[in-house]
Each structure stands twice: as structure tokens, then as C-alpha cells.
């Protein structure tokens, strides 16, 4: 692991102060992040909006990547595919559990399972690819 949980948290606070995700854990090619659901994240019908779920998944991937390759601010999402599987709770945090599947020199592929806190059934499954800038 090239960046610690604390280093990633500090980086996120500085560079992405608007982000609502908090880092729960960073491990070997993995990460867990949390997003507290509030009124602004809900859509009609009392469910968490799709864009919020995509944001949490993207954040989880980014945190796992930073843990693996270090703080590389210009790593960017090139692809993100989400499958919505069930309605998330409107009163519980969204938990993203990310695993990196392939760590290459220029691309990193990972998957994320999203859960409503306390529920073992995933609400969504996400696969994403990040482009890593060439480091000098």
C-alpha cells in the first residue's frame, strides 16, 4: 500500500472538500467508503438517487486506487457501469466495498458492491476503469 488511510483522508479533505464520502478502510487493492444519506440524496419514492450511488462507487474506486499507487491526483474515471439491483434504504448510510481487479501501468479496473448499512444484500454492483497518468 502506497498511501495510508490518513494520507488519503487528508488529500480528499484538501482536494475534494465537497465530497460527502468518508473513508472507512483502505487495504491491499481494496477500500470501503461510507456516504451518509440525507434529504438531498433522495428522489421521489423515498430511494437514494442513482447519481449518488454512482458517486459513492466512484469515490470507493478512487480511494482503493490511491491506496494502491499513492496519491495521484490526476487518476481519472474512464468508464463506470452500474447495475441497480434493489431499492436502498432512505434512512441508512450507503457503504461501498471496492476491490481492484487489475492494476496496470495505465489502466486500473475495479468493482464495487454498494449496500445500505446493515443489509447484506447489495443494492448495486459497479465496474469501473480509471486511467492513470504517466508518472515521471
N, C-alpha and C. Protein backbone atom coordinates (compact mmCIF):
# COMPACT_ATOMS: atom_id res chain seq x y z
N UNK A 1 0.85 -1.18 0.00
CA UNK A 1 0.00 0.00 0.00
C UNK A 1 0.90 1.24 0.00
N UNK A 2 0.65 2.14 -0.94
CA UNK A 2 1.50 3.32 -1.06
C UNK A 2 0.94 4.56 -0.37
N UNK A 3 -0.33 4.59 -0.09
CA UNK A 3 -0.90 5.72 0.66
C UNK A 3 -1.74 5.15 1.79
N UNK A 4 -1.59 5.72 2.96
CA UNK A 4 -2.34 5.25 4.12
C UNK A 4 -3.75 5.85 4.14
N UNK A 5 -4.58 5.30 4.97
CA UNK A 5 -5.94 5.82 5.14
C UNK A 5 -5.88 7.30 5.53
N UNK A 6 -5.01 7.65 6.45
CA UNK A 6 -4.90 9.04 6.90
C UNK A 6 -4.43 9.96 5.77
N UNK A 7 -3.46 9.52 4.99
CA UNK A 7 -2.98 10.34 3.87
C UNK A 7 -4.09 10.56 2.84
N UNK A 8 -4.86 9.51 2.59
CA UNK A 8 -5.96 9.64 1.63
C UNK A 8 -7.05 10.56 2.18
N UNK A 9 -7.38 10.42 3.45
CA UNK A 9 -8.38 11.30 4.07
C UNK A 9 -7.93 12.76 4.00
N UNK A 10 -6.67 13.03 4.30
CA UNK A 10 -6.14 14.40 4.25
C UNK A 10 -6.21 14.94 2.82
N UNK A 11 -5.82 14.13 1.86
CA UNK A 11 -5.87 14.52 0.45
C UNK A 11 -7.30 14.84 0.03
N UNK A 12 -8.23 13.96 0.38
CA UNK A 12 -9.63 14.17 -0.01
C UNK A 12 -10.19 15.44 0.62
N UNK A 13 -9.87 15.71 1.87
CA UNK A 13 -10.36 16.93 2.53
C UNK A 13 -9.83 18.19 1.85
N UNK A 14 -8.59 18.13 1.40
CA UNK A 14 -7.96 19.28 0.75
C UNK A 14 -8.43 19.46 -0.69
N UNK A 15 -8.41 18.39 -1.46
CA UNK A 15 -8.69 18.47 -2.90
C UNK A 15 -10.16 18.31 -3.26
N UNK A 16 -10.93 17.62 -2.41
CA UNK A 16 -12.35 17.38 -2.67
C UNK A 16 -13.18 17.71 -1.43
N UNK A 17 -13.13 18.96 -0.98
CA UNK A 17 -13.85 19.31 0.26
C UNK A 17 -15.37 19.13 0.13
N UNK A 18 -15.87 19.11 -1.09
CA UNK A 18 -17.30 18.95 -1.32
C UNK A 18 -17.74 17.49 -1.22
N UNK A 19 -16.80 16.56 -1.22
CA UNK A 19 -17.15 15.14 -1.19
C UNK A 19 -17.78 14.77 0.15
N UNK A 20 -18.84 13.97 0.07
CA UNK A 20 -19.55 13.57 1.28
C UNK A 20 -19.17 12.16 1.73
N UNK A 21 -18.31 11.49 0.99
CA UNK A 21 -17.88 10.14 1.37
C UNK A 21 -16.79 10.21 2.43
N UNK A 22 -16.84 9.27 3.34
CA UNK A 22 -15.78 9.14 4.34
C UNK A 22 -15.10 7.79 4.13
N UNK A 23 -13.81 7.77 4.36
CA UNK A 23 -13.02 6.56 4.18
C UNK A 23 -13.13 5.72 5.44
N UNK A 24 -13.61 4.51 5.27
CA UNK A 24 -13.74 3.57 6.39
C UNK A 24 -12.49 2.70 6.51
N UNK A 25 -11.98 2.24 5.35
CA UNK A 25 -10.82 1.34 5.36
C UNK A 25 -10.13 1.39 4.00
N UNK A 26 -8.82 1.17 4.03
CA UNK A 26 -8.02 1.03 2.83
C UNK A 26 -7.13 -0.18 3.04
N UNK A 27 -7.14 -1.11 2.09
CA UNK A 27 -6.34 -2.32 2.24
C UNK A 27 -5.62 -2.66 0.95
N UNK A 28 -5.14 -3.87 0.87
CA UNK A 28 -4.45 -4.34 -0.32
C UNK A 28 -5.46 -4.42 -1.47
N UNK A 29 -5.34 -3.52 -2.42
CA UNK A 29 -6.22 -3.44 -3.58
C UNK A 29 -7.70 -3.39 -3.20
N UNK A 30 -8.00 -2.69 -2.10
CA UNK A 30 -9.39 -2.60 -1.66
C UNK A 30 -9.63 -1.33 -0.86
N UNK A 31 -10.89 -1.00 -0.72
CA UNK A 31 -11.29 0.15 0.11
C UNK A 31 -12.76 0.02 0.46
N UNK A 32 -13.12 0.65 1.57
CA UNK A 32 -14.52 0.77 1.97
C UNK A 32 -14.76 2.23 2.29
N UNK A 33 -15.84 2.79 1.69
CA UNK A 33 -16.22 4.17 1.97
C UNK A 33 -17.68 4.21 2.37
N UNK A 34 -18.06 5.29 3.04
CA UNK A 34 -19.41 5.48 3.55
C UNK A 34 -19.93 6.83 3.09
N UNK A 35 -21.23 6.87 2.81
CA UNK A 35 -21.91 8.12 2.46
C UNK A 35 -23.19 8.20 3.29
N UNK A 36 -23.30 9.23 4.09
CA UNK A 36 -24.49 9.43 4.90
C UNK A 36 -25.61 9.99 4.02
N UNK A 37 -26.73 9.31 4.04
CA UNK A 37 -27.87 9.70 3.21
C UNK A 37 -28.69 10.76 3.93
N UNK A 38 -28.95 11.83 3.21
CA UNK A 38 -29.79 12.90 3.74
C UNK A 38 -30.91 13.21 2.75
N UNK A 39 -31.71 14.18 3.08
CA UNK A 39 -32.86 14.56 2.26
C UNK A 39 -32.46 14.89 0.82
N UNK A 40 -31.31 15.57 0.65
CA UNK A 40 -30.87 16.00 -0.68
C UNK A 40 -30.48 14.83 -1.59
N UNK A 41 -30.24 13.66 -1.00
CA UNK A 41 -29.84 12.49 -1.80
C UNK A 41 -31.01 11.64 -2.25
N UNK A 42 -32.21 12.00 -1.82
CA UNK A 42 -33.38 11.19 -2.12
C UNK A 42 -34.10 11.66 -3.37
N UNK A 43 -34.74 10.72 -4.02
CA UNK A 43 -35.59 11.03 -5.17
C UNK A 43 -37.00 10.63 -4.82
N UNK A 44 -38.00 11.01 -5.62
CA UNK A 44 -39.38 10.62 -5.33
C UNK A 44 -39.50 9.11 -5.13
N UNK A 45 -40.31 8.73 -4.19
CA UNK A 45 -40.46 7.32 -3.87
C UNK A 45 -39.61 6.89 -2.69
N UNK A 46 -38.83 7.84 -2.14
CA UNK A 46 -38.05 7.55 -0.95
C UNK A 46 -36.87 6.64 -1.16
N UNK A 47 -36.20 6.80 -2.26
CA UNK A 47 -35.00 6.00 -2.50
C UNK A 47 -33.81 6.91 -2.77
N UNK A 48 -32.62 6.38 -2.59
CA UNK A 48 -31.40 7.13 -2.86
C UNK A 48 -31.25 7.26 -4.38
N UNK A 49 -30.90 8.44 -4.84
CA UNK A 49 -30.81 8.67 -6.29
C UNK A 49 -29.64 7.91 -6.91
N UNK A 50 -29.81 7.57 -8.17
CA UNK A 50 -28.76 6.88 -8.92
C UNK A 50 -27.45 7.65 -8.97
N UNK A 51 -27.49 8.97 -9.23
CA UNK A 51 -26.23 9.71 -9.26
C UNK A 51 -25.47 9.65 -7.93
N UNK A 52 -26.17 9.59 -6.81
CA UNK A 52 -25.50 9.47 -5.52
C UNK A 52 -24.80 8.11 -5.43
N UNK A 53 -25.49 7.05 -5.84
CA UNK A 53 -24.88 5.72 -5.80
C UNK A 53 -23.65 5.65 -6.71
N UNK A 54 -23.75 6.26 -7.87
CA UNK A 54 -22.59 6.27 -8.78
C UNK A 54 -21.43 7.05 -8.18
N UNK A 55 -21.73 8.15 -7.52
CA UNK A 55 -20.68 8.95 -6.89
C UNK A 55 -19.98 8.17 -5.79
N UNK A 56 -20.74 7.46 -4.98
CA UNK A 56 -20.15 6.68 -3.88
C UNK A 56 -19.26 5.57 -4.46
N UNK A 57 -19.72 4.91 -5.50
CA UNK A 57 -18.91 3.86 -6.14
C UNK A 57 -17.63 4.44 -6.72
N UNK A 58 -17.74 5.56 -7.40
CA UNK A 58 -16.57 6.22 -8.00
C UNK A 58 -15.57 6.61 -6.92
N UNK A 59 -16.06 7.13 -5.81
CA UNK A 59 -15.20 7.50 -4.70
C UNK A 59 -14.49 6.27 -4.13
N UNK A 60 -15.21 5.17 -3.98
CA UNK A 60 -14.61 3.94 -3.48
C UNK A 60 -13.48 3.45 -4.36
N UNK A 61 -13.71 3.49 -5.66
CA UNK A 61 -12.65 3.10 -6.60
C UNK A 61 -11.43 4.02 -6.47
N UNK A 62 -11.68 5.31 -6.42
CA UNK A 62 -10.59 6.28 -6.33
C UNK A 62 -9.77 6.05 -5.06
N UNK A 63 -10.43 5.83 -3.94
CA UNK A 63 -9.73 5.59 -2.67
C UNK A 63 -8.90 4.31 -2.75
N UNK A 64 -9.46 3.25 -3.30
CA UNK A 64 -8.70 1.99 -3.43
C UNK A 64 -7.48 2.19 -4.32
N UNK A 65 -7.65 2.95 -5.39
CA UNK A 65 -6.53 3.21 -6.30
C UNK A 65 -5.44 4.02 -5.62
N UNK A 66 -5.83 5.08 -4.90
CA UNK A 66 -4.84 5.88 -4.19
C UNK A 66 -4.08 5.04 -3.16
N UNK A 67 -4.78 4.13 -2.51
CA UNK A 67 -4.12 3.24 -1.56
C UNK A 67 -3.11 2.35 -2.24
N UNK A 68 -3.38 1.98 -3.46
CA UNK A 68 -2.52 1.05 -4.19
C UNK A 68 -1.33 1.73 -4.86
N UNK A 69 -1.56 2.89 -5.49
CA UNK A 69 -0.49 3.53 -6.27
C UNK A 69 0.04 4.81 -5.65
N UNK A 70 -0.54 5.25 -4.55
CA UNK A 70 -0.14 6.51 -3.93
C UNK A 70 -1.05 7.64 -4.37
N UNK A 71 -0.78 8.82 -3.86
CA UNK A 71 -1.61 9.98 -4.16
C UNK A 71 -1.28 10.48 -5.56
N UNK A 72 -2.16 10.14 -6.49
CA UNK A 72 -2.03 10.55 -7.89
C UNK A 72 -3.32 11.28 -8.22
N UNK A 73 -3.27 12.60 -8.08
CA UNK A 73 -4.48 13.41 -8.20
C UNK A 73 -5.16 13.28 -9.56
N UNK A 74 -4.39 13.07 -10.62
CA UNK A 74 -4.96 13.08 -11.96
C UNK A 74 -5.38 11.71 -12.46
N UNK A 75 -5.50 10.73 -11.59
CA UNK A 75 -6.13 9.47 -11.98
C UNK A 75 -7.60 9.80 -12.23
N UNK A 76 -8.13 9.39 -13.37
CA UNK A 76 -9.50 9.78 -13.73
C UNK A 76 -10.32 8.58 -14.19
N UNK A 77 -11.61 8.67 -13.95
CA UNK A 77 -12.54 7.64 -14.38
C UNK A 77 -12.66 7.67 -15.90
N UNK A 78 -12.52 6.50 -16.53
CA UNK A 78 -12.73 6.41 -17.98
C UNK A 78 -13.99 5.62 -18.31
N UNK A 79 -14.44 4.82 -17.36
CA UNK A 79 -15.64 4.01 -17.58
C UNK A 79 -16.25 3.67 -16.23
N UNK A 80 -17.58 3.72 -16.15
CA UNK A 80 -18.28 3.35 -14.93
C UNK A 80 -19.63 2.76 -15.33
N UNK A 81 -19.83 1.50 -15.02
CA UNK A 81 -21.07 0.80 -15.35
C UNK A 81 -21.73 0.35 -14.06
N UNK A 82 -23.00 0.68 -13.90
CA UNK A 82 -23.70 0.34 -12.66
C UNK A 82 -24.94 -0.49 -12.98
N UNK A 83 -25.16 -1.48 -12.14
CA UNK A 83 -26.39 -2.28 -12.18
C UNK A 83 -27.12 -2.04 -10.87
N UNK A 84 -28.30 -1.43 -10.96
CA UNK A 84 -29.12 -1.19 -9.78
C UNK A 84 -29.91 -2.48 -9.51
N UNK A 85 -29.78 -3.02 -8.29
CA UNK A 85 -30.37 -4.32 -8.02
C UNK A 85 -31.56 -4.29 -7.07
N UNK A 86 -31.58 -3.37 -6.14
CA UNK A 86 -32.72 -3.25 -5.22
C UNK A 86 -32.73 -1.84 -4.64
N UNK A 87 -33.85 -1.47 -4.08
CA UNK A 87 -34.03 -0.13 -3.53
C UNK A 87 -33.19 0.04 -2.25
N UNK A 88 -32.31 1.03 -2.23
CA UNK A 88 -31.56 1.30 -1.00
C UNK A 88 -32.44 1.98 0.04
N UNK A 89 -32.09 1.81 1.28
CA UNK A 89 -32.83 2.46 2.37
C UNK A 89 -32.61 3.97 2.32
N UNK A 90 -33.65 4.70 2.58
CA UNK A 90 -33.55 6.16 2.61
C UNK A 90 -33.08 6.67 3.97
N UNK A 91 -32.94 5.77 4.93
CA UNK A 91 -32.57 6.19 6.29
C UNK A 91 -31.24 5.60 6.77
N UNK A 92 -30.55 4.88 5.90
CA UNK A 92 -29.28 4.27 6.29
C UNK A 92 -28.17 4.70 5.35
N UNK A 93 -26.94 4.76 5.89
CA UNK A 93 -25.78 5.13 5.08
C UNK A 93 -25.59 4.13 3.94
N UNK A 94 -25.00 4.60 2.86
CA UNK A 94 -24.58 3.73 1.77
C UNK A 94 -23.12 3.35 2.02
N UNK A 95 -22.85 2.06 1.96
CA UNK A 95 -21.50 1.54 2.16
C UNK A 95 -21.01 0.98 0.83
N UNK A 96 -19.82 1.40 0.40
CA UNK A 96 -19.22 0.90 -0.83
C UNK A 96 -18.01 0.05 -0.48
N UNK A 97 -18.01 -1.18 -0.96
CA UNK A 97 -16.88 -2.09 -0.77
C UNK A 97 -16.26 -2.32 -2.13
N UNK A 98 -15.01 -1.88 -2.28
CA UNK A 98 -14.33 -1.89 -3.57
C UNK A 98 -13.16 -2.87 -3.56
N UNK A 99 -13.01 -3.56 -4.68
CA UNK A 99 -11.85 -4.43 -4.90
C UNK A 99 -11.29 -4.11 -6.28
N UNK A 100 -9.99 -3.93 -6.34
CA UNK A 100 -9.34 -3.71 -7.63
C UNK A 100 -9.10 -5.07 -8.28
N UNK A 101 -9.49 -5.18 -9.55
CA UNK A 101 -9.37 -6.45 -10.27
C UNK A 101 -8.11 -6.54 -11.09
N UNK A 102 -7.67 -5.41 -11.64
CA UNK A 102 -6.45 -5.37 -12.44
C UNK A 102 -5.79 -4.02 -12.23
N UNK A 103 -4.53 -4.07 -11.87
CA UNK A 103 -3.74 -2.85 -11.70
C UNK A 103 -2.65 -2.87 -12.75
N UNK A 104 -2.85 -2.08 -13.79
CA UNK A 104 -1.86 -1.98 -14.86
C UNK A 104 -1.09 -0.68 -14.76
N UNK A 105 -0.24 -0.43 -15.75
CA UNK A 105 0.56 0.80 -15.75
C UNK A 105 -0.25 2.01 -16.16
N UNK A 106 -1.25 1.81 -17.03
CA UNK A 106 -2.03 2.95 -17.48
C UNK A 106 -3.52 2.85 -17.16
N UNK A 107 -4.01 1.64 -16.87
CA UNK A 107 -5.42 1.46 -16.53
C UNK A 107 -5.56 0.59 -15.29
N UNK A 108 -6.57 0.91 -14.49
CA UNK A 108 -6.91 0.10 -13.33
C UNK A 108 -8.40 -0.19 -13.39
N UNK A 109 -8.75 -1.47 -13.21
CA UNK A 109 -10.14 -1.90 -13.25
C UNK A 109 -10.52 -2.39 -11.86
N UNK A 110 -11.70 -1.98 -11.42
CA UNK A 110 -12.18 -2.41 -10.11
C UNK A 110 -13.67 -2.63 -10.11
N UNK A 111 -14.14 -3.29 -9.05
CA UNK A 111 -15.58 -3.47 -8.89
C UNK A 111 -15.98 -3.02 -7.50
N UNK A 112 -17.22 -2.58 -7.40
CA UNK A 112 -17.75 -2.06 -6.15
C UNK A 112 -19.13 -2.66 -5.90
N UNK A 113 -19.34 -3.12 -4.69
CA UNK A 113 -20.68 -3.51 -4.26
C UNK A 113 -21.16 -2.45 -3.29
N UNK A 114 -22.38 -1.96 -3.53
CA UNK A 114 -22.97 -0.93 -2.68
C UNK A 114 -24.07 -1.56 -1.82
N UNK A 115 -24.09 -1.16 -0.55
CA UNK A 115 -25.04 -1.71 0.42
C UNK A 115 -25.69 -0.57 1.20
N UNK A 116 -26.90 -0.81 1.67
CA UNK A 116 -27.47 0.03 2.73
C UNK A 116 -26.89 -0.54 4.02
N UNK A 117 -26.40 0.33 4.87
CA UNK A 117 -25.75 -0.12 6.11
C UNK A 117 -26.63 -1.14 6.84
N UNK A 118 -26.01 -2.26 7.24
CA UNK A 118 -26.69 -3.28 8.00
C UNK A 118 -27.41 -4.32 7.16
N UNK A 119 -27.45 -4.14 5.84
CA UNK A 119 -28.11 -5.10 4.96
C UNK A 119 -27.04 -5.84 4.17
N UNK A 120 -27.07 -7.15 4.18
CA UNK A 120 -26.05 -7.93 3.48
C UNK A 120 -26.31 -8.07 1.99
N UNK A 121 -27.49 -7.66 1.53
CA UNK A 121 -27.80 -7.73 0.10
C UNK A 121 -27.40 -6.42 -0.57
N UNK A 122 -26.62 -6.53 -1.63
CA UNK A 122 -26.16 -5.35 -2.35
C UNK A 122 -27.32 -4.63 -3.03
N UNK A 123 -27.26 -3.31 -3.03
CA UNK A 123 -28.27 -2.51 -3.74
C UNK A 123 -27.82 -2.21 -5.17
N UNK A 124 -26.50 -2.28 -5.40
CA UNK A 124 -25.98 -2.04 -6.75
C UNK A 124 -24.60 -2.68 -6.88
N UNK A 125 -24.26 -2.99 -8.13
CA UNK A 125 -22.93 -3.52 -8.45
C UNK A 125 -22.35 -2.63 -9.54
N UNK A 126 -21.09 -2.26 -9.37
CA UNK A 126 -20.45 -1.31 -10.27
C UNK A 126 -19.10 -1.86 -10.72
N UNK A 127 -18.79 -1.65 -12.00
CA UNK A 127 -17.46 -1.94 -12.52
C UNK A 127 -16.94 -0.65 -13.13
N UNK A 128 -15.70 -0.30 -12.79
CA UNK A 128 -15.13 0.94 -13.29
C UNK A 128 -13.70 0.80 -13.72
N UNK A 129 -13.30 1.66 -14.63
CA UNK A 129 -11.92 1.72 -15.09
C UNK A 129 -11.40 3.13 -14.91
N UNK A 130 -10.18 3.23 -14.41
CA UNK A 130 -9.50 4.52 -14.24
C UNK A 130 -8.28 4.57 -15.13
N UNK A 131 -8.02 5.73 -15.66
CA UNK A 131 -6.79 5.99 -16.41
C UNK A 131 -5.78 6.62 -15.47
N UNK A 132 -4.58 6.08 -15.48
CA UNK A 132 -3.52 6.56 -14.60
C UNK A 132 -2.53 7.38 -15.45
N UNK A 133 -2.25 8.62 -15.03
CA UNK A 133 -1.30 9.42 -15.82
C UNK A 133 0.10 8.83 -15.76
N UNK A 134 0.86 9.07 -16.81
CA UNK A 134 2.24 8.60 -16.82
C UNK A 134 3.02 9.40 -15.80
N UNK A 135 3.65 8.69 -14.88
CA UNK A 135 4.43 9.33 -13.84
C UNK A 135 5.88 9.42 -14.30
N UNK A 136 6.49 10.55 -14.04
CA UNK A 136 7.88 10.75 -14.47
C UNK A 136 8.85 10.27 -13.42
